[in-house]
Amino acid sequence: MSNTNQQYDIVIEQCKDIFIKKTKDYGTAWRVLRTISVIDQIFIKTLRIRTIQDKQQQLVADNIADEFKGIINYAVIGLIQLSFKDAVIEELPVNTVVDLYHQQIKFAKDTMLNKNHDYGEAWREMSQKSFADLILMKLQRIKQILSNDGKTLISEGIDANYVDIINYSVFALILIMEEVH
């Protein structure tokens, strides 16, 4: 598990680096995004991954790994937005954004460590195609939760689905780093 722990940190460091650089370039323009808009951004990236997987060809430079990194960062945005409750036009200082990023990733990583313990790293035997499909399923679940006014009867909420999306994407990136896919 320590290898997974280190690999997770490497993937997240790459994603955080992109996130912070984009924050310096664009500010926190993402603060205007409502949950459905965040979901749509993740949907577009995941659908592109699936299309590339199915066609085994891509015409735009960003590769599958870059798309998974984007998915992680949008899911972090989603978690941050949930913590604020309202999507607004607001600039946040970079150091605040770094703190918020760390908080949400800690939540996701702690969840991963607990699930990894119970599931025995079953994800290492999964196909990259499955990760894309599972992310699409999680997006559909979030859309259903939104249509239920954010309420669930017995299921996990939007935040848990974002966490799973982050962790599935990290797993896919770890397997890409290991050249399994």
C-alpha atoms as a PDB file:
ATOM      1  CA  MET A   1       0.000   0.000   0.000  1.00  0.00           C
ATOM      2  CA  SER A   2       2.899   2.375   0.626  1.00  0.00           C
ATOM      3  CA  ASN A   3       3.641   2.292  -3.110  1.00  0.00           C
ATOM      4  CA  THR A   4       0.046   3.339  -3.817  1.00  0.00           C
ATOM      5  CA  ASN A   5       0.328   6.049  -1.196  1.00  0.00           C
ATOM      6  CA  GLN A   6       3.452   7.484  -2.867  1.00  0.00           C
ATOM      7  CA  GLN A   7       2.037   7.099  -6.372  1.00  0.00           C
ATOM      8  CA  TYR A   8      -1.159   8.852  -5.291  1.00  0.00           C
ATOM      9  CA  ASP A   9       0.897  11.780  -3.995  1.00  0.00           C
ATOM     10  CA  ILE A  10       2.886  11.995  -7.243  1.00  0.00           C
ATOM     11  CA  VAL A  11      -0.297  12.119  -9.337  1.00  0.00           C
ATOM     12  CA  ILE A  12      -1.897  14.706  -7.075  1.00  0.00           C
ATOM     13  CA  GLU A  13       1.242  16.866  -7.092  1.00  0.00           C
ATOM     14  CA  GLN A  14       1.092  16.955 -10.913  1.00  0.00           C
ATOM     15  CA  CYS A  15      -2.594  17.889 -10.816  1.00  0.00           C
ATOM     16  CA  LYS A  16      -2.104  20.506  -8.112  1.00  0.00           C
ATOM     17  CA  ASP A  17       0.733  22.092 -10.086  1.00  0.00           C
ATOM     18  CA  ILE A  18      -1.589  22.505 -13.084  1.00  0.00           C
ATOM     19  CA  PHE A  19      -4.409  23.763 -10.854  1.00  0.00           C
ATOM     20  CA  ILE A  20      -2.257  26.420  -9.182  1.00  0.00           C
ATOM     21  CA  LYS A  21      -0.703  27.595 -12.466  1.00  0.00           C
ATOM     22  CA  LYS A  22      -4.168  27.937 -14.001  1.00  0.00           C
ATOM     23  CA  THR A  23      -5.319  29.799 -10.891  1.00  0.00           C
ATOM     24  CA  LYS A  24      -2.436  32.228 -11.386  1.00  0.00           C
ATOM     25  CA  ASP A  25      -3.352  32.599 -15.080  1.00  0.00           C
ATOM     26  CA  TYR A  26      -7.143  32.796 -14.793  1.00  0.00           C
ATOM     27  CA  GLY A  27      -7.838  33.545 -11.147  1.00  0.00           C
ATOM     28  CA  THR A  28     -10.753  31.697  -9.599  1.00  0.00           C
ATOM     29  CA  ALA A  29     -13.142  32.201 -12.496  1.00  0.00           C
ATOM     30  CA  TRP A  30     -14.417  28.677 -11.697  1.00  0.00           C
ATOM     31  CA  ARG A  31     -16.198  30.126  -8.633  1.00  0.00           C
ATOM     32  CA  VAL A  32     -19.108  30.983 -10.970  1.00  0.00           C
ATOM     33  CA  LEU A  33     -19.683  27.308 -11.825  1.00  0.00           C
ATOM     34  CA  ARG A  34     -22.751  25.621 -10.427  1.00  0.00           C
ATOM     35  CA  THR A  35     -22.679  21.889  -9.749  1.00  0.00           C
ATOM     36  CA  ILE A  36     -24.251  20.995 -13.097  1.00  0.00           C
ATOM     37  CA  SER A  37     -21.590  23.007 -14.934  1.00  0.00           C
ATOM     38  CA  VAL A  38     -18.786  21.219 -13.089  1.00  0.00           C
ATOM     39  CA  ILE A  39     -20.456  17.904 -13.929  1.00  0.00           C
ATOM     40  CA  ASP A  40     -20.684  18.874 -17.592  1.00  0.00           C
ATOM     41  CA  GLN A  41     -16.967  19.726 -17.693  1.00  0.00           C
ATOM     42  CA  ILE A  42     -16.090  16.336 -16.210  1.00  0.00           C
ATOM     43  CA  PHE A  43     -18.566  14.693 -18.600  1.00  0.00           C
ATOM     44  CA  ILE A  44     -16.898  16.283 -21.649  1.00  0.00           C
ATOM     45  CA  LYS A  45     -13.456  15.105 -20.547  1.00  0.00           C
ATOM     46  CA  THR A  46     -14.643  11.598 -19.694  1.00  0.00           C
ATOM     47  CA  LEU A  47     -16.539  11.240 -22.945  1.00  0.00           C
ATOM     48  CA  ARG A  48     -13.413  12.296 -24.832  1.00  0.00           C
ATOM     49  CA  ILE A  49     -11.422   9.593 -23.016  1.00  0.00           C
ATOM     50  CA  ARG A  50     -14.042   7.025 -23.935  1.00  0.00           C
ATOM     51  CA  THR A  51     -14.096   8.151 -27.563  1.00  0.00           C
ATOM     52  CA  ILE A  52     -10.306   7.893 -27.818  1.00  0.00           C
ATOM     53  CA  GLN A  53     -10.429   4.457 -26.177  1.00  0.00           C
ATOM     54  CA  ASP A  54     -13.088   3.246 -28.613  1.00  0.00           C
ATOM     55  CA  LYS A  55     -11.628   4.787 -31.786  1.00  0.00           C
ATOM     56  CA  GLN A  56      -8.015   4.204 -30.707  1.00  0.00           C
ATOM     57  CA  GLN A  57      -7.158   7.515 -32.324  1.00  0.00           C
ATOM     58  CA  GLN A  58      -7.078  11.128 -31.228  1.00  0.00           C
ATOM     59  CA  LEU A  59      -6.885  14.343 -33.228  1.00  0.00           C
ATOM     60  CA  VAL A  60      -6.411  16.874 -30.398  1.00  0.00           C
ATOM     61  CA  ALA A  61      -3.063  17.053 -28.580  1.00  0.00           C
ATOM     62  CA  ASP A  62      -4.249  16.498 -24.978  1.00  0.00           C
ATOM     63  CA  ASN A  63      -3.800  12.819 -24.199  1.00  0.00           C
ATOM     64  CA  ILE A  64      -5.867  10.561 -21.947  1.00  0.00           C
ATOM     65  CA  ALA A  65      -3.605  11.216 -18.950  1.00  0.00           C
ATOM     66  CA  ASP A  66      -4.125  14.976 -19.352  1.00  0.00           C
ATOM     67  CA  GLU A  67      -7.884  14.455 -19.423  1.00  0.00           C
ATOM     68  CA  PHE A  68      -7.801  12.382 -16.214  1.00  0.00           C
ATOM     69  CA  LYS A  69      -5.786  15.183 -14.577  1.00  0.00           C
ATOM     70  CA  GLY A  70      -8.423  17.674 -15.703  1.00  0.00           C
ATOM     71  CA  ILE A  71     -11.148  15.448 -14.272  1.00  0.00           C
ATOM     72  CA  ILE A  72      -9.380  15.384 -10.911  1.00  0.00           C
ATOM     73  CA  ASN A  73      -9.090  19.160 -10.861  1.00  0.00           C
ATOM     74  CA  TYR A  74     -12.724  19.711 -11.842  1.00  0.00           C
ATOM     75  CA  ALA A  75     -13.838  17.255  -9.152  1.00  0.00           C
ATOM     76  CA  VAL A  76     -11.786  19.237  -6.619  1.00  0.00           C
ATOM     77  CA  ILE A  77     -13.515  22.391  -7.885  1.00  0.00           C
ATOM     78  CA  GLY A  78     -16.825  20.610  -7.379  1.00  0.00           C
ATOM     79  CA  LEU A  79     -15.962  19.737  -3.783  1.00  0.00           C
ATOM     80  CA  ILE A  80     -14.771  23.277  -3.081  1.00  0.00           C
ATOM     81  CA  GLN A  81     -17.945  24.702  -4.578  1.00  0.00           C
ATOM     82  CA  LEU A  82     -20.061  22.379  -2.405  1.00  0.00           C
ATOM     83  CA  SER A  83     -18.207  23.646   0.656  1.00  0.00           C
ATOM     84  CA  PHE A  84     -19.070  27.252  -0.259  1.00  0.00           C
ATOM     85  CA  LYS A  85     -22.746  26.443  -0.957  1.00  0.00           C
ATOM     86  CA  ASP A  86     -23.124  29.189  -3.615  1.00  0.00           C
ATOM     87  CA  ALA A  87     -21.489  29.737  -6.988  1.00  0.00           C
ATOM     88  CA  VAL A  88     -20.507  33.403  -7.108  1.00  0.00           C
ATOM     89  CA  ILE A  89     -18.177  35.772  -8.867  1.00  0.00           C
ATOM     90  CA  GLU A  90     -15.359  35.888  -6.371  1.00  0.00           C
ATOM     91  CA  GLU A  91     -11.592  36.002  -6.534  1.00  0.00           C
ATOM     92  CA  LEU A  92      -9.827  33.908  -3.943  1.00  0.00           C
ATOM     93  CA  PRO A  93      -6.155  34.403  -3.083  1.00  0.00           C
ATOM     94  CA  VAL A  94      -3.845  31.694  -4.413  1.00  0.00           C
ATOM     95  CA  ASN A  95      -2.813  30.648  -0.893  1.00  0.00           C
ATOM     96  CA  THR A  96      -6.493  30.128  -0.003  1.00  0.00           C
ATOM     97  CA  VAL A  97      -6.951  28.035  -3.138  1.00  0.00           C
ATOM     98  CA  VAL A  98      -3.925  25.904  -2.213  1.00  0.00           C
ATOM     99  CA  ASP A  99      -5.385  25.319   1.268  1.00  0.00           C
ATOM    100  CA  LEU A 100      -8.804  24.418  -0.154  1.00  0.00           C
ATOM    101  CA  TYR A 101      -7.199  22.055  -2.682  1.00  0.00           C
ATOM    102  CA  HIS A 102      -5.253  20.305   0.087  1.00  0.00           C
ATOM    103  CA  GLN A 103      -8.385  19.926   2.249  1.00  0.00           C
ATOM    104  CA  GLN A 104     -10.379  18.277  -0.512  1.00  0.00           C
ATOM    105  CA  ILE A 105      -7.537  16.009  -1.618  1.00  0.00           C
ATOM    106  CA  LYS A 106      -6.928  14.925   1.982  1.00  0.00           C
ATOM    107  CA  PHE A 107     -10.612  13.945   2.195  1.00  0.00           C
ATOM    108  CA  ALA A 108     -10.347  11.995  -1.086  1.00  0.00           C
ATOM    109  CA  LYS A 109      -7.070  10.304  -0.138  1.00  0.00           C
ATOM    110  CA  ASP A 110      -8.318   9.298   3.316  1.00  0.00           C
ATOM    111  CA  THR A 111     -11.346   7.735   1.640  1.00  0.00           C
ATOM    112  CA  MET A 112      -9.093   5.932  -0.831  1.00  0.00           C
ATOM    113  CA  LEU A 113      -6.876   4.554   1.924  1.00  0.00           C
ATOM    114  CA  ASN A 114      -9.882   3.179   3.817  1.00  0.00           C
ATOM    115  CA  LYS A 115     -11.453   1.638   0.725  1.00  0.00           C
ATOM    116  CA  ASN A 116      -8.118   0.296  -0.484  1.00  0.00           C
ATOM    117  CA  HIS A 117      -7.730  -1.488   2.839  1.00  0.00           C
ATOM    118  CA  ASP A 118     -11.133  -3.133   2.531  1.00  0.00           C
ATOM    119  CA  TYR A 119     -11.015  -3.869  -1.211  1.00  0.00           C
ATOM    120  CA  GLY A 120      -7.380  -4.978  -1.369  1.00  0.00           C
ATOM    121  CA  GLU A 121      -6.421  -2.694  -4.249  1.00  0.00           C
ATOM    122  CA  ALA A 122      -8.821  -4.416  -6.638  1.00  0.00           C
ATOM    123  CA  TRP A 123      -8.512  -1.350  -8.877  1.00  0.00           C
ATOM    124  CA  ARG A 124      -5.085  -2.545  -9.989  1.00  0.00           C
ATOM    125  CA  GLU A 125      -6.825  -5.325 -11.945  1.00  0.00           C
ATOM    126  CA  MET A 126      -9.340  -2.995 -13.592  1.00  0.00           C
ATOM    127  CA  SER A 127      -9.339  -1.714 -17.150  1.00  0.00           C
ATOM    128  CA  GLN A 128      -8.844   1.971 -17.933  1.00  0.00           C
ATOM    129  CA  LYS A 129     -12.101   1.670 -19.861  1.00  0.00           C
ATOM    130  CA  SER A 130     -13.854   0.708 -16.630  1.00  0.00           C
ATOM    131  CA  PHE A 131     -12.576   3.851 -14.897  1.00  0.00           C
ATOM    132  CA  ALA A 132     -14.077   6.009 -17.641  1.00  0.00           C
ATOM    133  CA  ASP A 133     -17.371   4.110 -17.451  1.00  0.00           C
ATOM    134  CA  LEU A 134     -17.493   4.350 -13.656  1.00  0.00           C
ATOM    135  CA  ILE A 135     -16.863   8.107 -13.817  1.00  0.00           C
ATOM    136  CA  LEU A 136     -19.710   8.479 -16.309  1.00  0.00           C
ATOM    137  CA  MET A 137     -21.937   6.473 -13.957  1.00  0.00           C
ATOM    138  CA  LYS A 138     -20.986   8.729 -11.022  1.00  0.00           C
ATOM    139  CA  LEU A 139     -21.859  11.779 -13.148  1.00  0.00           C
ATOM    140  CA  GLN A 140     -25.277  10.297 -13.923  1.00  0.00           C
ATOM    141  CA  ARG A 141     -25.803   9.690 -10.215  1.00  0.00           C
ATOM    142  CA  ILE A 142     -24.943  13.306  -9.406  1.00  0.00           C
ATOM    143  CA  LYS A 143     -27.377  14.519 -12.067  1.00  0.00           C
ATOM    144  CA  GLN A 144     -30.084  12.354 -10.499  1.00  0.00           C
ATOM    145  CA  ILE A 145     -29.285  13.702  -7.039  1.00  0.00           C
ATOM    146  CA  LEU A 146     -29.536  17.242  -8.434  1.00  0.00           C
ATOM    147  CA  SER A 147     -32.928  16.445  -9.957  1.00  0.00           C
ATOM    148  CA  ASN A 148     -33.961  15.233  -6.476  1.00  0.00           C
ATOM    149  CA  ASP A 149     -33.078  18.682  -5.067  1.00  0.00           C
ATOM    150  CA  GLY A 150     -29.798  17.344  -3.681  1.00  0.00           C
ATOM    151  CA  LYS A 151     -31.485  14.747  -1.485  1.00  0.00           C
ATOM    152  CA  THR A 152     -30.920  11.012  -1.315  1.00  0.00           C
ATOM    153  CA  LEU A 153     -32.869   8.355   0.566  1.00  0.00           C
ATOM    154  CA  ILE A 154     -30.081   5.892   1.377  1.00  0.00           C
ATOM    155  CA  SER A 155     -27.281   6.731  -1.028  1.00  0.00           C
ATOM    156  CA  GLU A 156     -24.143   8.792  -0.668  1.00  0.00           C
ATOM    157  CA  GLY A 157     -24.306  12.435  -1.635  1.00  0.00           C
ATOM    158  CA  ILE A 158     -22.690  14.500  -4.345  1.00  0.00           C
ATOM    159  CA  ASP A 159     -19.457  14.881  -2.378  1.00  0.00           C
ATOM    160  CA  ALA A 160     -18.889  11.116  -2.153  1.00  0.00           C
ATOM    161  CA  ASN A 161     -19.364  10.801  -5.910  1.00  0.00           C
ATOM    162  CA  TYR A 162     -16.798  13.550  -6.533  1.00  0.00           C
ATOM    163  CA  VAL A 163     -14.371  11.717  -4.230  1.00  0.00           C
ATOM    164  CA  ASP A 164     -14.857   8.484  -6.179  1.00  0.00           C
ATOM    165  CA  ILE A 165     -14.283  10.381  -9.448  1.00  0.00           C
ATOM    166  CA  ILE A 166     -11.017  11.766  -8.079  1.00  0.00           C
ATOM    167  CA  ASN A 167      -9.868   8.358  -6.896  1.00  0.00           C
ATOM    168  CA  TYR A 168     -10.831   6.511 -10.100  1.00  0.00           C
ATOM    169  CA  SER A 169      -8.885   9.127 -12.062  1.00  0.00           C
ATOM    170  CA  VAL A 170      -5.851   8.807  -9.793  1.00  0.00           C
ATOM    171  CA  PHE A 171      -5.963   5.024 -10.194  1.00  0.00           C
ATOM    172  CA  ALA A 172      -6.119   5.357 -13.977  1.00  0.00           C
ATOM    173  CA  LEU A 173      -3.122   7.710 -13.911  1.00  0.00           C
ATOM    174  CA  ILE A 174      -1.140   5.366 -11.660  1.00  0.00           C
ATOM    175  CA  LEU A 175      -1.749   2.511 -14.104  1.00  0.00           C
ATOM    176  CA  ILE A 176      -0.754   4.769 -17.006  1.00  0.00           C
ATOM    177  CA  MET A 177       2.480   5.658 -15.126  1.00  0.00           C
ATOM    178  CA  GLU A 178       3.117   1.947 -14.637  1.00  0.00           C
ATOM    179  CA  GLU A 179       2.437   1.473 -18.358  1.00  0.00           C
ATOM    180  CA  VAL A 180      -0.330  -1.001 -17.622  1.00  0.00           C
ATOM    181  CA  HIS A 181      -2.593   0.847 -20.075  1.00  0.00           C
END
